[in-house]
Amino acid sequence: MDVLSITRNVRMSPQKMREVVRQIQGLPATKAMAVLAIIPRKSARVVSKTLKSAIANAEHNHRLDPASLVVKEAVAGAATTYKRVTPKARGSMGPILKRNCHVRIIVSDL
């Protein structure tokens, strides 16, 4: 059975988030939590919270054993981008793109 957990509108670019998300894909859930615990990045903390939520959903809603869960899919996709401007030379403006992302994790018992 597949169990889904999504964290939306994380204030970080999807590119930075994907570096961490790719490391846990296909791992057992307990091992993925251990890997995320030693990664010193903000994105690792966000992915860890999302993974904990997916494990809790599986345990509480579907009565699955947390030890048998595997990270089937872990994806970081783009969300709405905030557009800001900064002053440039001769009265013009330069764009600043503040990117956001969504994190989706699917755990499964095999």
PDB file of N, CA and C in Angstrom:
ATOM      1  N   MET A   1       0.835  -1.174   0.000  1.00  0.00           N
ATOM      2  CA  MET A   1       0.000   0.000   0.000  1.00  0.00           C
ATOM      3  C   MET A   1       0.884   1.242   0.000  1.00  0.00           C
ATOM      4  N   ASP A   2       0.554   2.196  -0.844  1.00  0.00           N
ATOM      5  CA  ASP A   2       1.308   3.444  -0.937  1.00  0.00           C
ATOM      6  C   ASP A   2       0.685   4.503  -0.033  1.00  0.00           C
ATOM      7  N   VAL A   3       1.524   5.201   0.699  1.00  0.00           N
ATOM      8  CA  VAL A   3       1.075   6.268   1.596  1.00  0.00           C
ATOM      9  C   VAL A   3       1.816   7.546   1.228  1.00  0.00           C
ATOM     10  N   LEU A   4       1.072   8.643   1.118  1.00  0.00           N
ATOM     11  CA  LEU A   4       1.578   9.906   0.598  1.00  0.00           C
ATOM     12  C   LEU A   4       1.664  10.967   1.692  1.00  0.00           C
ATOM     13  N   SER A   5       2.687  11.800   1.599  1.00  0.00           N
ATOM     14  CA  SER A   5       2.806  12.978   2.449  1.00  0.00           C
ATOM     15  C   SER A   5       3.394  14.108   1.614  1.00  0.00           C
ATOM     16  N   ILE A   6       2.790  15.313   1.723  1.00  0.00           N
ATOM     17  CA  ILE A   6       3.220  16.459   0.924  1.00  0.00           C
ATOM     18  C   ILE A   6       3.450  17.657   1.837  1.00  0.00           C
ATOM     19  N   THR A   7       4.561  18.337   1.630  1.00  0.00           N
ATOM     20  CA  THR A   7       4.809  19.627   2.267  1.00  0.00           C
ATOM     21  C   THR A   7       4.813  20.664   1.160  1.00  0.00           C
ATOM     22  N   ARG A   8       3.956  21.650   1.282  1.00  0.00           N
ATOM     23  CA  ARG A   8       3.785  22.630   0.212  1.00  0.00           C
ATOM     24  C   ARG A   8       4.420  23.975   0.564  1.00  0.00           C
ATOM     25  N   ASN A   9       4.843  24.681  -0.475  1.00  0.00           N
ATOM     26  CA  ASN A   9       5.338  26.054  -0.380  1.00  0.00           C
ATOM     27  C   ASN A   9       6.487  26.217   0.614  1.00  0.00           C
ATOM     28  N   VAL A  10       7.497  25.372   0.457  1.00  0.00           N
ATOM     29  CA  VAL A  10       8.708  25.496   1.264  1.00  0.00           C
ATOM     30  C   VAL A  10       9.537  26.614   0.658  1.00  0.00           C
ATOM     31  N   ARG A  11      10.044  27.503   1.486  1.00  0.00           N
ATOM     32  CA  ARG A  11      10.743  28.699   1.016  1.00  0.00           C
ATOM     33  C   ARG A  11      12.193  28.369   0.663  1.00  0.00           C
ATOM     34  N   MET A  12      12.372  27.518  -0.354  1.00  0.00           N
ATOM     35  CA  MET A  12      13.684  27.108  -0.816  1.00  0.00           C
ATOM     36  C   MET A  12      13.554  26.681  -2.269  1.00  0.00           C
ATOM     37  N   SER A  13      14.609  26.861  -3.034  1.00  0.00           N
ATOM     38  CA  SER A  13      14.520  26.507  -4.452  1.00  0.00           C
ATOM     39  C   SER A  13      14.446  24.988  -4.614  1.00  0.00           C
ATOM     40  N   PRO A  14      13.697  24.525  -5.616  1.00  0.00           N
ATOM     41  CA  PRO A  14      13.572  23.089  -5.841  1.00  0.00           C
ATOM     42  C   PRO A  14      14.913  22.429  -6.172  1.00  0.00           C
ATOM     43  N   GLN A  15      15.809  23.164  -6.783  1.00  0.00           N
ATOM     44  CA  GLN A  15      17.116  22.617  -7.143  1.00  0.00           C
ATOM     45  C   GLN A  15      17.899  22.208  -5.893  1.00  0.00           C
ATOM     46  N   LYS A  16      17.869  23.034  -4.857  1.00  0.00           N
ATOM     47  CA  LYS A  16      18.561  22.713  -3.614  1.00  0.00           C
ATOM     48  C   LYS A  16      17.884  21.543  -2.894  1.00  0.00           C
ATOM     49  N   MET A  17      16.567  21.489  -2.991  1.00  0.00           N
ATOM     50  CA  MET A  17      15.823  20.432  -2.323  1.00  0.00           C
ATOM     51  C   MET A  17      16.055  19.079  -3.002  1.00  0.00           C
ATOM     52  N   ARG A  18      16.179  19.068  -4.321  1.00  0.00           N
ATOM     53  CA  ARG A  18      16.354  17.816  -5.069  1.00  0.00           C
ATOM     54  C   ARG A  18      17.656  17.107  -4.718  1.00  0.00           C
ATOM     55  N   GLU A  19      18.694  17.864  -4.357  1.00  0.00           N
ATOM     56  CA  GLU A  19      19.975  17.257  -3.987  1.00  0.00           C
ATOM     57  C   GLU A  19      19.815  16.322  -2.794  1.00  0.00           C
ATOM     58  N   VAL A  20      18.948  16.680  -1.859  1.00  0.00           N
ATOM     59  CA  VAL A  20      18.735  15.852  -0.677  1.00  0.00           C
ATOM     60  C   VAL A  20      17.718  14.750  -0.964  1.00  0.00           C
ATOM     61  N   VAL A  21      16.679  15.081  -1.688  1.00  0.00           N
ATOM     62  CA  VAL A  21      15.596  14.133  -1.942  1.00  0.00           C
ATOM     63  C   VAL A  21      16.088  12.922  -2.732  1.00  0.00           C
ATOM     64  N   ARG A  22      17.010  13.136  -3.648  1.00  0.00           N
ATOM     65  CA  ARG A  22      17.534  12.032  -4.463  1.00  0.00           C
ATOM     66  C   ARG A  22      18.321  11.019  -3.629  1.00  0.00           C
ATOM     67  N   GLN A  23      18.864  11.452  -2.508  1.00  0.00           N
ATOM     68  CA  GLN A  23      19.683  10.556  -1.690  1.00  0.00           C
ATOM     69  C   GLN A  23      18.865   9.517  -0.938  1.00  0.00           C
ATOM     70  N   ILE A  24      17.572   9.783  -0.702  1.00  0.00           N
ATOM     71  CA  ILE A  24      16.772   8.853   0.098  1.00  0.00           C
ATOM     72  C   ILE A  24      15.858   7.979  -0.751  1.00  0.00           C
ATOM     73  N   GLN A  25      15.756   8.236  -2.022  1.00  0.00           N
ATOM     74  CA  GLN A  25      14.836   7.492  -2.866  1.00  0.00           C
ATOM     75  C   GLN A  25      15.253   6.026  -2.944  1.00  0.00           C
ATOM     76  N   GLY A  26      14.305   5.128  -2.654  1.00  0.00           N
ATOM     77  CA  GLY A  26      14.564   3.694  -2.721  1.00  0.00           C
ATOM     78  C   GLY A  26      15.107   3.086  -1.443  1.00  0.00           C
ATOM     79  N   LEU A  27      15.416   3.895  -0.440  1.00  0.00           N
ATOM     80  CA  LEU A  27      15.941   3.377   0.825  1.00  0.00           C
ATOM     81  C   LEU A  27      14.807   2.934   1.743  1.00  0.00           C
ATOM     82  N   PRO A  28      15.088   2.027   2.681  1.00  0.00           N
ATOM     83  CA  PRO A  28      14.112   1.757   3.741  1.00  0.00           C
ATOM     84  C   PRO A  28      13.885   3.030   4.559  1.00  0.00           C
ATOM     85  N   ALA A  29      12.681   3.207   5.071  1.00  0.00           N
ATOM     86  CA  ALA A  29      12.318   4.462   5.741  1.00  0.00           C
ATOM     87  C   ALA A  29      13.199   4.750   6.948  1.00  0.00           C
ATOM     88  N   THR A  30      13.535   3.729   7.728  1.00  0.00           N
ATOM     89  CA  THR A  30      14.369   3.958   8.917  1.00  0.00           C
ATOM     90  C   THR A  30      15.790   4.373   8.527  1.00  0.00           C
ATOM     91  N   LYS A  31      16.317   3.768   7.467  1.00  0.00           N
ATOM     92  CA  LYS A  31      17.653   4.135   6.998  1.00  0.00           C
ATOM     93  C   LYS A  31      17.640   5.541   6.391  1.00  0.00           C
ATOM     94  N   ALA A  32      16.555   5.900   5.704  1.00  0.00           N
ATOM     95  CA  ALA A  32      16.425   7.239   5.125  1.00  0.00           C
ATOM     96  C   ALA A  32      16.418   8.301   6.225  1.00  0.00           C
ATOM     97  N   MET A  33      15.755   8.011   7.348  1.00  0.00           N
ATOM     98  CA  MET A  33      15.752   8.955   8.471  1.00  0.00           C
ATOM     99  C   MET A  33      17.162   9.123   9.035  1.00  0.00           C
ATOM    100  N   ALA A  34      17.926   8.035   9.096  1.00  0.00           N
ATOM    101  CA  ALA A  34      19.296   8.115   9.596  1.00  0.00           C
ATOM    102  C   ALA A  34      20.177   8.931   8.652  1.00  0.00           C
ATOM    103  N   VAL A  35      19.979   8.761   7.355  1.00  0.00           N
ATOM    104  CA  VAL A  35      20.753   9.526   6.369  1.00  0.00           C
ATOM    105  C   VAL A  35      20.434  11.009   6.486  1.00  0.00           C
ATOM    106  N   LEU A  36      19.148  11.335   6.618  1.00  0.00           N
ATOM    107  CA  LEU A  36      18.740  12.744   6.716  1.00  0.00           C
ATOM    108  C   LEU A  36      19.244  13.391   8.003  1.00  0.00           C
ATOM    109  N   ALA A  37      19.405  12.609   9.044  1.00  0.00           N
ATOM    110  CA  ALA A  37      19.854  13.162  10.329  1.00  0.00           C
ATOM    111  C   ALA A  37      21.292  13.667  10.269  1.00  0.00           C
ATOM    112  N   ILE A  38      22.116  13.114   9.371  1.00  0.00           N
ATOM    113  CA  ILE A  38      23.516  13.534   9.329  1.00  0.00           C
ATOM    114  C   ILE A  38      23.815  14.533   8.212  1.00  0.00           C
ATOM    115  N   ILE A  39      22.814  14.876   7.402  1.00  0.00           N
ATOM    116  CA  ILE A  39      23.022  15.863   6.334  1.00  0.00           C
ATOM    117  C   ILE A  39      22.839  17.255   6.931  1.00  0.00           C
ATOM    118  N   PRO A  40      23.861  18.127   6.884  1.00  0.00           N
ATOM    119  CA  PRO A  40      23.774  19.441   7.528  1.00  0.00           C
ATOM    120  C   PRO A  40      23.176  20.520   6.624  1.00  0.00           C
ATOM    121  N   ARG A  41      21.956  20.314   6.159  1.00  0.00           N
ATOM    122  CA  ARG A  41      21.319  21.293   5.282  1.00  0.00           C
ATOM    123  C   ARG A  41      19.900  21.562   5.759  1.00  0.00           C
ATOM    124  N   LYS A  42      19.405  22.751   5.478  1.00  0.00           N
ATOM    125  CA  LYS A  42      18.031  23.097   5.825  1.00  0.00           C
ATOM    126  C   LYS A  42      17.055  22.189   5.099  1.00  0.00           C
ATOM    127  N   SER A  43      17.357  21.860   3.857  1.00  0.00           N
ATOM    128  CA  SER A  43      16.466  21.020   3.071  1.00  0.00           C
ATOM    129  C   SER A  43      16.337  19.622   3.683  1.00  0.00           C
ATOM    130  N   ALA A  44      17.368  19.128   4.337  1.00  0.00           N
ATOM    131  CA  ALA A  44      17.305  17.817   4.976  1.00  0.00           C
ATOM    132  C   ALA A  44      16.308  17.822   6.128  1.00  0.00           C
ATOM    133  N   ARG A  45      16.216  18.923   6.854  1.00  0.00           N
ATOM    134  CA  ARG A  45      15.248  19.013   7.955  1.00  0.00           C
ATOM    135  C   ARG A  45      13.821  19.009   7.430  1.00  0.00           C
ATOM    136  N   VAL A  46      13.577  19.700   6.316  1.00  0.00           N
ATOM    137  CA  VAL A  46      12.233  19.748   5.729  1.00  0.00           C
ATOM    138  C   VAL A  46      11.843  18.370   5.198  1.00  0.00           C
ATOM    139  N   VAL A  47      12.758  17.705   4.504  1.00  0.00           N
ATOM    140  CA  VAL A  47      12.482  16.369   3.963  1.00  0.00           C
ATOM    141  C   VAL A  47      12.272  15.378   5.105  1.00  0.00           C
ATOM    142  N   SER A  48      13.023  15.526   6.188  1.00  0.00           N
ATOM    143  CA  SER A  48      12.876  14.650   7.342  1.00  0.00           C
ATOM    144  C   SER A  48      11.485  14.779   7.960  1.00  0.00           C
ATOM    145  N   LYS A  49      11.001  15.999   8.080  1.00  0.00           N
ATOM    146  CA  LYS A  49       9.660  16.209   8.626  1.00  0.00           C
ATOM    147  C   LYS A  49       8.591  15.595   7.730  1.00  0.00           C
ATOM    148  N   THR A  50       8.770  15.719   6.425  1.00  0.00           N
ATOM    149  CA  THR A  50       7.814  15.150   5.484  1.00  0.00           C
ATOM    150  C   THR A  50       7.841  13.626   5.550  1.00  0.00           C
ATOM    151  N   LEU A  51       9.026  13.047   5.665  1.00  0.00           N
ATOM    152  CA  LEU A  51       9.151  11.595   5.767  1.00  0.00           C
ATOM    153  C   LEU A  51       8.537  11.086   7.072  1.00  0.00           C
ATOM    154  N   LYS A  52       8.760  11.797   8.171  1.00  0.00           N
ATOM    155  CA  LYS A  52       8.142  11.420   9.446  1.00  0.00           C
ATOM    156  C   LYS A  52       6.627  11.438   9.336  1.00  0.00           C
ATOM    157  N   SER A  53       6.094  12.422   8.628  1.00  0.00           N
ATOM    158  CA  SER A  53       4.649  12.509   8.427  1.00  0.00           C
ATOM    159  C   SER A  53       4.138  11.332   7.609  1.00  0.00           C
ATOM    160  N   ALA A  54       4.864  10.946   6.575  1.00  0.00           N
ATOM    161  CA  ALA A  54       4.458   9.807   5.745  1.00  0.00           C
ATOM    162  C   ALA A  54       4.472   8.511   6.560  1.00  0.00           C
ATOM    163  N   ILE A  55       5.492   8.352   7.403  1.00  0.00           N
ATOM    164  CA  ILE A  55       5.574   7.158   8.243  1.00  0.00           C
ATOM    165  C   ILE A  55       4.423   7.131   9.247  1.00  0.00           C
ATOM    166  N   ALA A  56       4.123   8.279   9.841  1.00  0.00           N
ATOM    167  CA  ALA A  56       3.018   8.366  10.798  1.00  0.00           C
ATOM    168  C   ALA A  56       1.674   8.104  10.116  1.00  0.00           C
ATOM    169  N   ASN A  57       1.510   8.607   8.890  1.00  0.00           N
ATOM    170  CA  ASN A  57       0.275   8.334   8.144  1.00  0.00           C
ATOM    171  C   ASN A  57       0.114   6.841   7.893  1.00  0.00           C
ATOM    172  N   ALA A  58       1.192   6.182   7.509  1.00  0.00           N
ATOM    173  CA  ALA A  58       1.135   4.746   7.235  1.00  0.00           C
ATOM    174  C   ALA A  58       0.815   3.956   8.496  1.00  0.00           C
ATOM    175  N   GLU A  59       1.426   4.371   9.602  1.00  0.00           N
ATOM    176  CA  GLU A  59       1.232   3.654  10.852  1.00  0.00           C
ATOM    177  C   GLU A  59      -0.170   3.873  11.419  1.00  0.00           C
ATOM    178  N   HIS A  60      -0.634   5.090  11.394  1.00  0.00           N
ATOM    179  CA  HIS A  60      -1.911   5.417  12.028  1.00  0.00           C
ATOM    180  C   HIS A  60      -3.112   5.128  11.136  1.00  0.00           C
ATOM    181  N   ASN A  61      -3.050   5.523   9.879  1.00  0.00           N
ATOM    182  CA  ASN A  61      -4.215   5.395   9.000  1.00  0.00           C
ATOM    183  C   ASN A  61      -4.358   4.005   8.387  1.00  0.00           C
ATOM    184  N   HIS A  62      -3.227   3.338   8.114  1.00  0.00           N
ATOM    185  CA  HIS A  62      -3.282   2.062   7.400  1.00  0.00           C
ATOM    186  C   HIS A  62      -2.730   0.891   8.208  1.00  0.00           C
ATOM    187  N   ARG A  63      -2.334   1.150   9.458  1.00  0.00           N
ATOM    188  CA  ARG A  63      -1.832   0.120  10.361  1.00  0.00           C
ATOM    189  C   ARG A  63      -0.669  -0.685   9.763  1.00  0.00           C
ATOM    190  N   LEU A  64       0.261   0.017   9.152  1.00  0.00           N
ATOM    191  CA  LEU A  64       1.451  -0.620   8.585  1.00  0.00           C
ATOM    192  C   LEU A  64       2.601  -0.545   9.584  1.00  0.00           C
ATOM    193  N   ASP A  65       3.509  -1.502   9.498  1.00  0.00           N
ATOM    194  CA  ASP A  65       4.669  -1.541  10.381  1.00  0.00           C
ATOM    195  C   ASP A  65       5.736  -0.582   9.853  1.00  0.00           C
ATOM    196  N   PRO A  66       6.188   0.383  10.654  1.00  0.00           N
ATOM    197  CA  PRO A  66       7.192   1.348  10.175  1.00  0.00           C
ATOM    198  C   PRO A  66       8.511   0.699   9.746  1.00  0.00           C
ATOM    199  N   ALA A  67       8.847  -0.456  10.314  1.00  0.00           N
ATOM    200  CA  ALA A  67      10.105  -1.115   9.963  1.00  0.00           C
ATOM    201  C   ALA A  67      10.079  -1.710   8.556  1.00  0.00           C
ATOM    202  N   SER A  68       8.875  -1.949   8.017  1.00  0.00           N
ATOM    203  CA  SER A  68       8.769  -2.575   6.694  1.00  0.00           C
ATOM    204  C   SER A  68       8.574  -1.556   5.568  1.00  0.00           C
ATOM    205  N   LEU A  69       8.587  -0.269   5.891  1.00  0.00           N
ATOM    206  CA  LEU A  69       8.321   0.758   4.881  1.00  0.00           C
ATOM    207  C   LEU A  69       9.574   1.113   4.081  1.00  0.00           C
ATOM    208  N   VAL A  70       9.359   1.408   2.795  1.00  0.00           N
ATOM    209  CA  VAL A  70      10.425   1.798   1.880  1.00  0.00           C
ATOM    210  C   VAL A  70      10.009   3.098   1.201  1.00  0.00           C
ATOM    211  N   VAL A  71      10.956   4.009   0.996  1.00  0.00           N
ATOM    212  CA  VAL A  71      10.671   5.257   0.283  1.00  0.00           C
ATOM    213  C   VAL A  71      10.552   4.919  -1.196  1.00  0.00           C
ATOM    214  N   LYS A  72       9.326   4.862  -1.671  1.00  0.00           N
ATOM    215  CA  LYS A  72       9.085   4.485  -3.068  1.00  0.00           C
ATOM    216  C   LYS A  72       9.371   5.649  -4.003  1.00  0.00           C
ATOM    217  N   GLU A  73       8.958   6.841  -3.597  1.00  0.00           N
ATOM    218  CA  GLU A  73       9.139   8.020  -4.446  1.00  0.00           C
ATOM    219  C   GLU A  73       9.377   9.235  -3.559  1.00  0.00           C
ATOM    220  N   ALA A  74      10.322  10.063  -3.940  1.00  0.00           N
ATOM    221  CA  ALA A  74      10.601  11.316  -3.236  1.00  0.00           C
ATOM    222  C   ALA A  74      10.887  12.371  -4.302  1.00  0.00           C
ATOM    223  N   VAL A  75      10.039  13.395  -4.354  1.00  0.00           N
ATOM    224  CA  VAL A  75      10.106  14.381  -5.428  1.00  0.00           C
ATOM    225  C   VAL A  75      10.035  15.784  -4.840  1.00  0.00           C
ATOM    226  N   ALA A  76      10.827  16.688  -5.395  1.00  0.00           N
ATOM    227  CA  ALA A  76      10.742  18.111  -5.059  1.00  0.00           C
ATOM    228  C   ALA A  76      10.417  18.864  -6.342  1.00  0.00           C
ATOM    229  N   GLY A  77       9.270  19.514  -6.373  1.00  0.00           N
ATOM    230  CA  GLY A  77       8.841  20.232  -7.566  1.00  0.00           C
ATOM    231  C   GLY A  77       8.692  21.713  -7.297  1.00  0.00           C
ATOM    232  N   ALA A  78       8.613  22.472  -8.352  1.00  0.00           N
ATOM    233  CA  ALA A  78       8.521  23.929  -8.234  1.00  0.00           C
ATOM    234  C   ALA A  78       7.131  24.358  -7.762  1.00  0.00           C
ATOM    235  N   ALA A  79       7.107  25.401  -6.956  1.00  0.00           N
ATOM    236  CA  ALA A  79       5.864  26.023  -6.511  1.00  0.00           C
ATOM    237  C   ALA A  79       5.841  27.457  -7.055  1.00  0.00           C
ATOM    238  N   THR A  80       4.955  28.260  -6.539  1.00  0.00           N
ATOM    239  CA  THR A  80       4.842  29.643  -6.983  1.00  0.00           C
ATOM    240  C   THR A  80       6.122  30.410  -6.679  1.00  0.00           C
ATOM    241  N   THR A  81       6.589  31.196  -7.635  1.00  0.00           N
ATOM    242  CA  THR A  81       7.794  31.994  -7.471  1.00  0.00           C
ATOM    243  C   THR A  81       7.397  33.435  -7.157  1.00  0.00           C
ATOM    244  N   TYR A  82       7.974  33.995  -6.071  1.00  0.00           N
ATOM    245  CA  TYR A  82       7.744  35.397  -5.751  1.00  0.00           C
ATOM    246  C   TYR A  82       8.646  36.242  -6.634  1.00  0.00           C
ATOM    247  N   LYS A  83       8.077  37.263  -7.246  1.00  0.00           N
ATOM    248  CA  LYS A  83       8.861  38.126  -8.130  1.00  0.00           C
ATOM    249  C   LYS A  83       9.067  39.478  -7.460  1.00  0.00           C
ATOM    250  N   ARG A  84      10.337  39.844  -7.285  1.00  0.00           N
ATOM    251  CA  ARG A  84      10.722  41.110  -6.677  1.00  0.00           C
ATOM    252  C   ARG A  84      11.685  41.802  -7.630  1.00  0.00           C
ATOM    253  N   VAL A  85      11.963  43.080  -7.360  1.00  0.00           N
ATOM    254  CA  VAL A  85      12.907  43.815  -8.208  1.00  0.00           C
ATOM    255  C   VAL A  85      13.947  44.513  -7.344  1.00  0.00           C
ATOM    256  N   THR A  86      15.086  44.784  -7.950  1.00  0.00           N
ATOM    257  CA  THR A  86      16.144  45.532  -7.297  1.00  0.00           C
ATOM    258  C   THR A  86      16.578  46.657  -8.231  1.00  0.00           C
ATOM    259  N   PRO A  87      16.922  47.815  -7.705  1.00  0.00           N
ATOM    260  CA  PRO A  87      17.352  48.919  -8.568  1.00  0.00           C
ATOM    261  C   PRO A  87      18.668  48.616  -9.276  1.00  0.00           C
ATOM    262  N   LYS A  88      18.747  49.022 -10.516  1.00  0.00           N
ATOM    263  CA  LYS A  88      19.960  48.851 -11.323  1.00  0.00           C
ATOM    264  C   LYS A  88      20.404  50.221 -11.843  1.00  0.00           C
ATOM    265  N   ALA A  89      21.411  50.207 -12.667  1.00  0.00           N
ATOM    266  CA  ALA A  89      21.984  51.448 -13.177  1.00  0.00           C
ATOM    267  C   ALA A  89      20.999  52.197 -14.079  1.00  0.00           C
ATOM    268  N   ARG A  90      21.109  53.492 -14.080  1.00  0.00           N
ATOM    269  CA  ARG A  90      20.339  54.398 -14.950  1.00  0.00           C
ATOM    270  C   ARG A  90      18.828  54.262 -14.756  1.00  0.00           C
ATOM    271  N   GLY A  91      18.401  53.986 -13.538  1.00  0.00           N
ATOM    272  CA  GLY A  91      16.980  53.977 -13.224  1.00  0.00           C
ATOM    273  C   GLY A  91      16.228  52.735 -13.654  1.00  0.00           C
ATOM    274  N   SER A  92      16.919  51.710 -14.093  1.00  0.00           N
ATOM    275  CA  SER A  92      16.213  50.495 -14.501  1.00  0.00           C
ATOM    276  C   SER A  92      16.088  49.546 -13.309  1.00  0.00           C
ATOM    277  N   MET A  93      15.387  48.424 -13.534  1.00  0.00           N
ATOM    278  CA  MET A  93      15.172  47.454 -12.471  1.00  0.00           C
ATOM    279  C   MET A  93      15.656  46.081 -12.927  1.00  0.00           C
ATOM    280  N   GLY A  94      16.140  45.313 -11.976  1.00  0.00           N
ATOM    281  CA  GLY A  94      16.547  43.944 -12.255  1.00  0.00           C
ATOM    282  C   GLY A  94      15.672  42.981 -11.469  1.00  0.00           C
ATOM    283  N   PRO A  95      15.292  41.852 -12.061  1.00  0.00           N
ATOM    284  CA  PRO A  95      14.395  40.919 -11.377  1.00  0.00           C
ATOM    285  C   PRO A  95      15.110  40.098 -10.304  1.00  0.00           C
ATOM    286  N   ILE A  96      14.373  39.788  -9.249  1.00  0.00           N
ATOM    287  CA  ILE A  96      14.806  38.840  -8.234  1.00  0.00           C
ATOM    288  C   ILE A  96      13.703  37.794  -8.153  1.00  0.00           C
ATOM    289  N   LEU A  97      14.044  36.528  -8.359  1.00  0.00           N
ATOM    290  CA  LEU A  97      13.078  35.440  -8.300  1.00  0.00           C
ATOM    291  C   LEU A  97      13.293  34.665  -7.003  1.00  0.00           C
ATOM    292  N   LYS A  98      12.303  34.712  -6.119  1.00  0.00           N
ATOM    293  CA  LYS A  98      12.374  33.980  -4.856  1.00  0.00           C
ATOM    294  C   LYS A  98      11.585  32.695  -5.037  1.00  0.00           C
ATOM    295  N   ARG A  99      12.303  31.594  -5.192  1.00  0.00           N
ATOM    296  CA  ARG A  99      11.669  30.341  -5.567  1.00  0.00           C
ATOM    297  C   ARG A  99      11.179  29.554  -4.348  1.00  0.00           C
ATOM    298  N   ASN A 100      10.092  28.810  -4.550  1.00  0.00           N
ATOM    299  CA  ASN A 100       9.506  27.932  -3.543  1.00  0.00           C
ATOM    300  C   ASN A 100       9.371  26.540  -4.135  1.00  0.00           C
ATOM    301  N   CYS A 101       9.144  25.548  -3.279  1.00  0.00           N
ATOM    302  CA  CYS A 101       8.975  24.196  -3.803  1.00  0.00           C
ATOM    303  C   CYS A 101       7.990  23.397  -2.955  1.00  0.00           C
ATOM    304  N   HIS A 102       7.506  22.305  -3.547  1.00  0.00           N
ATOM    305  CA  HIS A 102       6.676  21.318  -2.872  1.00  0.00           C
ATOM    306  C   HIS A 102       7.506  20.035  -2.741  1.00  0.00           C
ATOM    307  N   VAL A 103       7.383  19.362  -1.603  1.00  0.00           N
ATOM    308  CA  VAL A 103       8.079  18.095  -1.380  1.00  0.00           C
ATOM    309  C   VAL A 103       7.014  16.993  -1.240  1.00  0.00           C
ATOM    310  N   ARG A 104       7.128  15.947  -2.070  1.00  0.00           N
ATOM    311  CA  ARG A 104       6.181  14.838  -2.032  1.00  0.00           C
ATOM    312  C   ARG A 104       6.946  13.539  -1.799  1.00  0.00           C
ATOM    313  N   ILE A 105       6.538  12.809  -0.760  1.00  0.00           N
ATOM    314  CA  ILE A 105       7.174  11.540  -0.443  1.00  0.00           C
ATOM    315  C   ILE A 105       6.104  10.450  -0.371  1.00  0.00           C
ATOM    316  N   ILE A 106       6.364   9.339  -1.062  1.00  0.00           N
ATOM    317  CA  ILE A 106       5.478   8.181  -1.034  1.00  0.00           C
ATOM    318  C   ILE A 106       6.254   7.028  -0.425  1.00  0.00           C
ATOM    319  N   VAL A 107       5.702   6.451   0.653  1.00  0.00           N
ATOM    320  CA  VAL A 107       6.293   5.261   1.254  1.00  0.00           C
ATOM    321  C   VAL A 107       5.387   4.071   0.967  1.00  0.00           C
ATOM    322  N   SER A 108       6.003   2.912   0.870  1.00  0.00           N
ATOM    323  CA  SER A 108       5.248   1.709   0.524  1.00  0.00           C
ATOM    324  C   SER A 108       5.781   0.527   1.332  1.00  0.00           C
ATOM    325  N   ASP A 109       4.905  -0.422   1.605  1.00  0.00           N
ATOM    326  CA  ASP A 109       5.364  -1.679   2.202  1.00  0.00           C
ATOM    327  C   ASP A 109       5.461  -2.707   1.092  1.00  0.00           C
ATOM    328  N   LEU A 110       6.614  -3.319   0.977  1.00  0.00           N
ATOM    329  CA  LEU A 110       6.830  -4.257  -0.123  1.00  0.00           C
ATOM    330  C   LEU A 110       6.601  -5.687   0.280  1.00  0.00           C
TER     331      LEU A 110
END
